């Protein structure tokens, strides 16, 4: 004679490690007052994520740190590094990983 123990449910929503680097389109786009930027990294890496105006000037440094593999999201509130609201227009957000991989995407800020 034997006893079967109770069954424990396993959460099917697992934190899968991405298989490639990716920078997804922000949402919502266009946005006001804030937007979400999502990126994925498959290996432990030093990550730079910044927002630039169309003149190539850095507007906001969003991320500059070592990250473990995974999917990350950051919220941009439409303000620059000095805390001032930027003007309406098109901006470029750029993900650089270990100075090897670079992705760029456009976003539109409306007041």
N, C-alpha and C. Protein backbone atom coordinates (compact mmCIF):
# COMPACT_ATOMS: atom_id res chain seq x y z
N UNK A 1 0.84 -1.17 0.00
CA UNK A 1 0.00 0.00 0.00
C UNK A 1 0.89 1.25 0.00
N UNK A 2 0.49 2.26 -0.78
CA UNK A 2 1.24 3.51 -0.81
C UNK A 2 0.28 4.68 -0.87
N UNK A 3 0.80 5.85 -0.53
CA UNK A 3 -0.01 7.05 -0.50
C UNK A 3 0.51 8.03 -1.55
N UNK A 4 -0.38 8.61 -2.28
CA UNK A 4 -0.01 9.63 -3.26
C UNK A 4 -0.19 10.98 -2.61
N UNK A 5 0.86 11.78 -2.65
CA UNK A 5 0.80 13.11 -2.04
C UNK A 5 -0.06 14.06 -2.85
N UNK A 6 -0.33 15.20 -2.28
CA UNK A 6 -1.16 16.19 -2.97
C UNK A 6 -0.38 16.82 -4.12
N UNK A 7 -1.11 17.27 -5.11
CA UNK A 7 -0.52 17.90 -6.28
C UNK A 7 -0.53 19.40 -6.07
N UNK A 8 0.60 20.03 -6.39
CA UNK A 8 0.70 21.48 -6.27
C UNK A 8 0.68 22.08 -7.67
N UNK A 9 -0.15 23.07 -7.88
CA UNK A 9 -0.22 23.73 -9.18
C UNK A 9 1.06 24.51 -9.43
N UNK A 10 1.47 24.53 -10.68
CA UNK A 10 2.65 25.28 -11.07
C UNK A 10 2.19 26.46 -11.92
N UNK A 11 2.70 27.62 -11.59
CA UNK A 11 2.33 28.82 -12.34
C UNK A 11 2.89 28.71 -13.75
N UNK A 12 2.04 28.75 -14.76
CA UNK A 12 2.48 28.60 -16.14
C UNK A 12 3.11 29.87 -16.68
N UNK A 13 2.99 30.97 -15.98
CA UNK A 13 3.57 32.23 -16.42
C UNK A 13 5.00 32.30 -15.90
N UNK A 14 5.93 31.78 -16.68
CA UNK A 14 7.32 31.75 -16.24
C UNK A 14 8.08 32.93 -16.84
N UNK A 15 9.17 33.28 -16.22
CA UNK A 15 10.01 34.36 -16.67
C UNK A 15 11.04 33.79 -17.63
N UNK A 16 10.67 33.63 -18.88
CA UNK A 16 11.57 33.06 -19.88
C UNK A 16 12.66 34.06 -20.24
N UNK A 17 13.86 33.55 -20.46
CA UNK A 17 14.97 34.39 -20.87
C UNK A 17 14.87 34.59 -22.38
N UNK A 18 14.92 35.83 -22.84
CA UNK A 18 14.84 36.08 -24.28
C UNK A 18 15.99 35.39 -25.02
N UNK A 19 15.76 35.03 -26.28
CA UNK A 19 16.82 34.38 -27.05
C UNK A 19 17.61 35.36 -27.91
N UNK A 20 17.20 36.65 -27.93
CA UNK A 20 17.94 37.65 -28.69
C UNK A 20 17.71 39.04 -28.08
N UNK A 21 18.58 39.97 -28.44
CA UNK A 21 18.40 41.36 -28.02
C UNK A 21 17.24 41.96 -28.80
N UNK A 22 16.44 42.79 -28.15
CA UNK A 22 15.31 43.42 -28.83
C UNK A 22 14.95 44.72 -28.15
N UNK A 23 14.52 45.68 -28.95
CA UNK A 23 13.96 46.94 -28.48
C UNK A 23 12.59 47.05 -29.12
N UNK A 24 11.56 47.01 -28.32
CA UNK A 24 10.19 47.01 -28.84
C UNK A 24 9.68 48.43 -29.03
N UNK A 25 8.63 48.56 -29.84
CA UNK A 25 8.02 49.87 -30.06
C UNK A 25 7.35 50.34 -28.77
N UNK A 26 7.57 51.60 -28.45
CA UNK A 26 6.95 52.15 -27.23
C UNK A 26 5.43 52.14 -27.36
N UNK A 27 4.77 52.17 -26.22
CA UNK A 27 3.31 52.23 -26.23
C UNK A 27 2.84 53.05 -25.05
N UNK A 28 1.83 53.86 -25.16
CA UNK A 28 1.22 54.22 -26.44
C UNK A 28 2.16 55.11 -27.25
N UNK A 29 1.88 55.20 -28.54
CA UNK A 29 2.66 56.04 -29.44
C UNK A 29 1.70 56.54 -30.51
N UNK A 30 1.42 57.81 -30.65
CA UNK A 30 1.95 58.93 -29.86
C UNK A 30 1.47 58.88 -28.41
N UNK A 31 2.15 59.67 -27.57
CA UNK A 31 1.80 59.62 -26.15
C UNK A 31 1.75 60.99 -25.51
N UNK A 32 1.05 61.05 -24.41
CA UNK A 32 0.98 62.18 -23.50
C UNK A 32 0.14 61.70 -22.32
N UNK A 33 0.59 61.63 -21.14
CA UNK A 33 1.80 62.23 -20.59
C UNK A 33 2.99 61.28 -20.47
N UNK A 34 2.80 59.94 -20.66
CA UNK A 34 3.94 59.04 -20.51
C UNK A 34 3.80 57.85 -21.46
N UNK A 35 4.95 57.19 -21.70
CA UNK A 35 4.99 56.04 -22.58
C UNK A 35 5.89 54.97 -21.97
N UNK A 36 5.68 53.73 -22.37
CA UNK A 36 6.45 52.60 -21.86
C UNK A 36 7.37 52.08 -22.96
N UNK A 37 8.63 51.88 -22.61
CA UNK A 37 9.62 51.34 -23.54
C UNK A 37 10.06 49.99 -22.98
N UNK A 38 9.98 48.95 -23.81
CA UNK A 38 10.33 47.59 -23.39
C UNK A 38 11.54 47.12 -24.19
N UNK A 39 12.49 46.48 -23.49
CA UNK A 39 13.64 45.90 -24.17
C UNK A 39 13.96 44.54 -23.56
N UNK A 40 14.64 43.71 -24.35
CA UNK A 40 14.99 42.36 -23.92
C UNK A 40 16.48 42.12 -24.12
N UNK A 41 17.09 41.44 -23.14
CA UNK A 41 18.50 41.07 -23.27
C UNK A 41 18.67 39.60 -22.87
N UNK A 42 19.37 38.81 -23.72
CA UNK A 42 19.52 37.39 -23.45
C UNK A 42 20.69 37.02 -22.55
N UNK A 43 21.62 37.95 -22.35
CA UNK A 43 22.79 37.68 -21.52
C UNK A 43 23.02 38.84 -20.56
N UNK A 44 23.73 38.58 -19.50
CA UNK A 44 24.09 39.65 -18.56
C UNK A 44 24.92 40.68 -19.33
N UNK A 45 24.48 41.94 -19.31
CA UNK A 45 25.10 42.97 -20.15
C UNK A 45 24.99 44.34 -19.51
N UNK A 46 25.92 45.23 -19.90
CA UNK A 46 25.81 46.63 -19.51
C UNK A 46 24.92 47.31 -20.55
N UNK A 47 23.86 47.96 -20.09
CA UNK A 47 22.82 48.50 -20.96
C UNK A 47 22.77 50.02 -20.86
N UNK A 48 22.70 50.66 -22.04
CA UNK A 48 22.46 52.11 -22.14
C UNK A 48 21.15 52.28 -22.91
N UNK A 49 20.21 53.00 -22.33
CA UNK A 49 18.97 53.34 -23.02
C UNK A 49 18.77 54.83 -22.85
N UNK A 50 18.74 55.54 -23.97
CA UNK A 50 18.61 57.00 -23.91
C UNK A 50 17.65 57.48 -24.98
N UNK A 51 17.15 58.70 -24.77
CA UNK A 51 16.23 59.34 -25.71
C UNK A 51 16.92 60.56 -26.28
N UNK A 52 16.83 60.72 -27.60
CA UNK A 52 17.49 61.81 -28.33
C UNK A 52 16.47 62.59 -29.13
N UNK A 53 16.77 63.89 -29.35
CA UNK A 53 15.94 64.67 -30.26
C UNK A 53 16.44 64.42 -31.69
N UNK A 54 15.79 65.00 -32.68
CA UNK A 54 16.17 64.76 -34.07
C UNK A 54 17.49 65.40 -34.46
N UNK A 55 18.05 66.25 -33.60
CA UNK A 55 19.37 66.83 -33.84
C UNK A 55 20.47 65.92 -33.29
N UNK A 56 20.07 64.82 -32.65
CA UNK A 56 21.04 63.89 -32.09
C UNK A 56 21.48 64.25 -30.69
N UNK A 57 20.84 65.23 -30.07
CA UNK A 57 21.19 65.64 -28.71
C UNK A 57 20.46 64.75 -27.70
N UNK A 58 21.21 64.28 -26.71
CA UNK A 58 20.59 63.44 -25.69
C UNK A 58 19.62 64.27 -24.86
N UNK A 59 18.41 63.77 -24.74
CA UNK A 59 17.36 64.44 -23.99
C UNK A 59 17.23 63.82 -22.59
N UNK A 60 17.26 62.48 -22.54
CA UNK A 60 17.04 61.79 -21.27
C UNK A 60 17.80 60.46 -21.26
N UNK A 61 18.60 60.25 -20.22
CA UNK A 61 19.25 58.96 -19.99
C UNK A 61 18.29 58.13 -19.16
N UNK A 62 17.80 57.05 -19.72
CA UNK A 62 16.81 56.22 -19.03
C UNK A 62 17.45 55.09 -18.23
N UNK A 63 18.43 54.40 -18.83
CA UNK A 63 19.09 53.27 -18.18
C UNK A 63 20.58 53.35 -18.51
N UNK A 64 21.41 53.10 -17.52
CA UNK A 64 22.85 53.00 -17.72
C UNK A 64 23.40 52.14 -16.59
N UNK A 65 23.25 50.81 -16.75
CA UNK A 65 23.66 49.90 -15.69
C UNK A 65 23.74 48.46 -16.19
N UNK A 66 24.36 47.64 -15.40
CA UNK A 66 24.46 46.21 -15.67
C UNK A 66 23.09 45.57 -15.42
N UNK A 67 22.65 44.74 -16.36
CA UNK A 67 21.35 44.06 -16.24
C UNK A 67 21.54 42.56 -16.45
N UNK A 68 20.75 41.78 -15.75
CA UNK A 68 20.71 40.34 -15.92
C UNK A 68 19.80 40.01 -17.11
N UNK A 69 19.90 38.80 -17.68
CA UNK A 69 19.03 38.44 -18.80
C UNK A 69 17.56 38.59 -18.42
N UNK A 70 16.76 39.08 -19.37
CA UNK A 70 15.34 39.22 -19.11
C UNK A 70 14.71 40.31 -19.95
N UNK A 71 13.45 40.58 -19.66
CA UNK A 71 12.70 41.65 -20.32
C UNK A 71 12.50 42.77 -19.31
N UNK A 72 12.74 43.99 -19.75
CA UNK A 72 12.64 45.16 -18.87
C UNK A 72 11.76 46.21 -19.51
N UNK A 73 11.16 47.04 -18.69
CA UNK A 73 10.38 48.17 -19.20
C UNK A 73 10.69 49.40 -18.37
N UNK A 74 10.69 50.53 -19.05
CA UNK A 74 10.88 51.82 -18.38
C UNK A 74 9.79 52.76 -18.86
N UNK A 75 9.43 53.69 -18.02
CA UNK A 75 8.41 54.69 -18.34
C UNK A 75 9.08 56.04 -18.55
N UNK A 76 8.80 56.67 -19.68
CA UNK A 76 9.28 58.03 -19.92
C UNK A 76 8.11 58.98 -19.79
N UNK A 77 8.30 59.99 -18.96
CA UNK A 77 7.23 60.96 -18.68
C UNK A 77 7.31 62.22 -19.53
N UNK A 78 8.13 62.20 -20.58
CA UNK A 78 8.22 63.36 -21.46
C UNK A 78 9.06 64.49 -20.91
N UNK A 79 9.92 64.20 -19.92
CA UNK A 79 10.79 65.21 -19.34
C UNK A 79 12.25 64.90 -19.65
N UNK A 80 13.05 65.95 -19.72
CA UNK A 80 14.48 65.76 -19.99
C UNK A 80 15.24 65.46 -18.70
N UNK A 81 16.57 65.37 -18.80
CA UNK A 81 17.39 65.06 -17.62
C UNK A 81 17.31 66.13 -16.54
N UNK A 82 16.90 67.35 -16.91
CA UNK A 82 16.77 68.44 -15.94
C UNK A 82 15.36 68.51 -15.35
N UNK A 83 14.47 67.59 -15.75
CA UNK A 83 13.12 67.59 -15.23
C UNK A 83 12.16 68.52 -15.95
N UNK A 84 12.59 69.08 -17.08
CA UNK A 84 11.73 69.98 -17.86
C UNK A 84 10.98 69.20 -18.92
N UNK A 85 9.72 69.57 -19.13
CA UNK A 85 8.89 68.94 -20.15
C UNK A 85 9.46 69.26 -21.53
N UNK A 86 9.63 68.25 -22.38
CA UNK A 86 10.15 68.48 -23.73
C UNK A 86 9.03 68.98 -24.62
N UNK A 87 9.40 69.53 -25.76
CA UNK A 87 8.38 70.03 -26.69
C UNK A 87 7.81 68.87 -27.50
N UNK A 88 6.64 69.09 -28.05
CA UNK A 88 6.01 68.08 -28.90
C UNK A 88 6.92 67.77 -30.08
N UNK A 89 6.91 66.52 -30.52
CA UNK A 89 7.70 66.18 -31.69
C UNK A 89 8.14 64.73 -31.69
N UNK A 90 8.99 64.43 -32.67
CA UNK A 90 9.52 63.08 -32.83
C UNK A 90 10.84 62.98 -32.09
N UNK A 91 11.01 61.87 -31.38
CA UNK A 91 12.25 61.59 -30.65
C UNK A 91 12.71 60.18 -31.02
N UNK A 92 13.98 59.94 -30.83
CA UNK A 92 14.58 58.63 -31.09
C UNK A 92 15.00 58.05 -29.75
N UNK A 93 14.63 56.80 -29.49
CA UNK A 93 15.17 56.13 -28.31
C UNK A 93 16.11 55.04 -28.79
N UNK A 94 17.25 54.93 -28.09
CA UNK A 94 18.32 54.07 -28.52
C UNK A 94 18.75 53.13 -27.40
N UNK A 95 18.87 51.85 -27.74
CA UNK A 95 19.37 50.84 -26.83
C UNK A 95 20.74 50.40 -27.32
N UNK A 96 21.76 50.56 -26.46
CA UNK A 96 23.12 50.08 -26.76
C UNK A 96 23.48 49.06 -25.69
N UNK A 97 23.95 47.90 -26.13
CA UNK A 97 24.32 46.84 -25.20
C UNK A 97 25.78 46.50 -25.42
N UNK A 98 26.61 46.70 -24.36
CA UNK A 98 28.03 46.36 -24.41
C UNK A 98 28.74 46.98 -25.62
N UNK A 99 28.22 48.06 -26.15
CA UNK A 99 28.78 48.74 -27.32
C UNK A 99 28.92 47.81 -28.52
N UNK A 100 28.14 46.72 -28.54
CA UNK A 100 28.16 45.77 -29.65
C UNK A 100 26.85 45.80 -30.42
N UNK A 101 25.75 45.95 -29.69
CA UNK A 101 24.42 45.88 -30.28
C UNK A 101 23.73 47.22 -30.07
N UNK A 102 23.19 47.79 -31.15
CA UNK A 102 22.49 49.07 -31.05
C UNK A 102 21.17 48.98 -31.81
N UNK A 103 20.11 49.45 -31.16
CA UNK A 103 18.79 49.52 -31.78
C UNK A 103 18.27 50.94 -31.62
N UNK A 104 17.54 51.42 -32.64
CA UNK A 104 16.90 52.73 -32.59
C UNK A 104 15.44 52.60 -32.97
N UNK A 105 14.59 53.38 -32.32
CA UNK A 105 13.17 53.45 -32.68
C UNK A 105 12.71 54.89 -32.49
N UNK A 106 11.64 55.24 -33.20
CA UNK A 106 11.06 56.57 -33.09
C UNK A 106 9.84 56.56 -32.19
N UNK A 107 9.63 57.69 -31.52
CA UNK A 107 8.40 57.89 -30.76
C UNK A 107 7.91 59.30 -30.98
N UNK A 108 6.65 59.51 -30.73
CA UNK A 108 6.03 60.82 -30.94
C UNK A 108 5.41 61.31 -29.65
N UNK A 109 5.88 62.46 -29.21
CA UNK A 109 5.33 63.09 -28.00
C UNK A 109 4.42 64.23 -28.42
N UNK A 110 3.18 64.24 -27.91
CA UNK A 110 2.21 65.29 -28.19
C UNK A 110 1.80 65.97 -26.90
N UNK A 111 1.72 67.27 -26.93
CA UNK A 111 1.25 68.01 -25.76
C UNK A 111 -0.22 68.27 -25.89
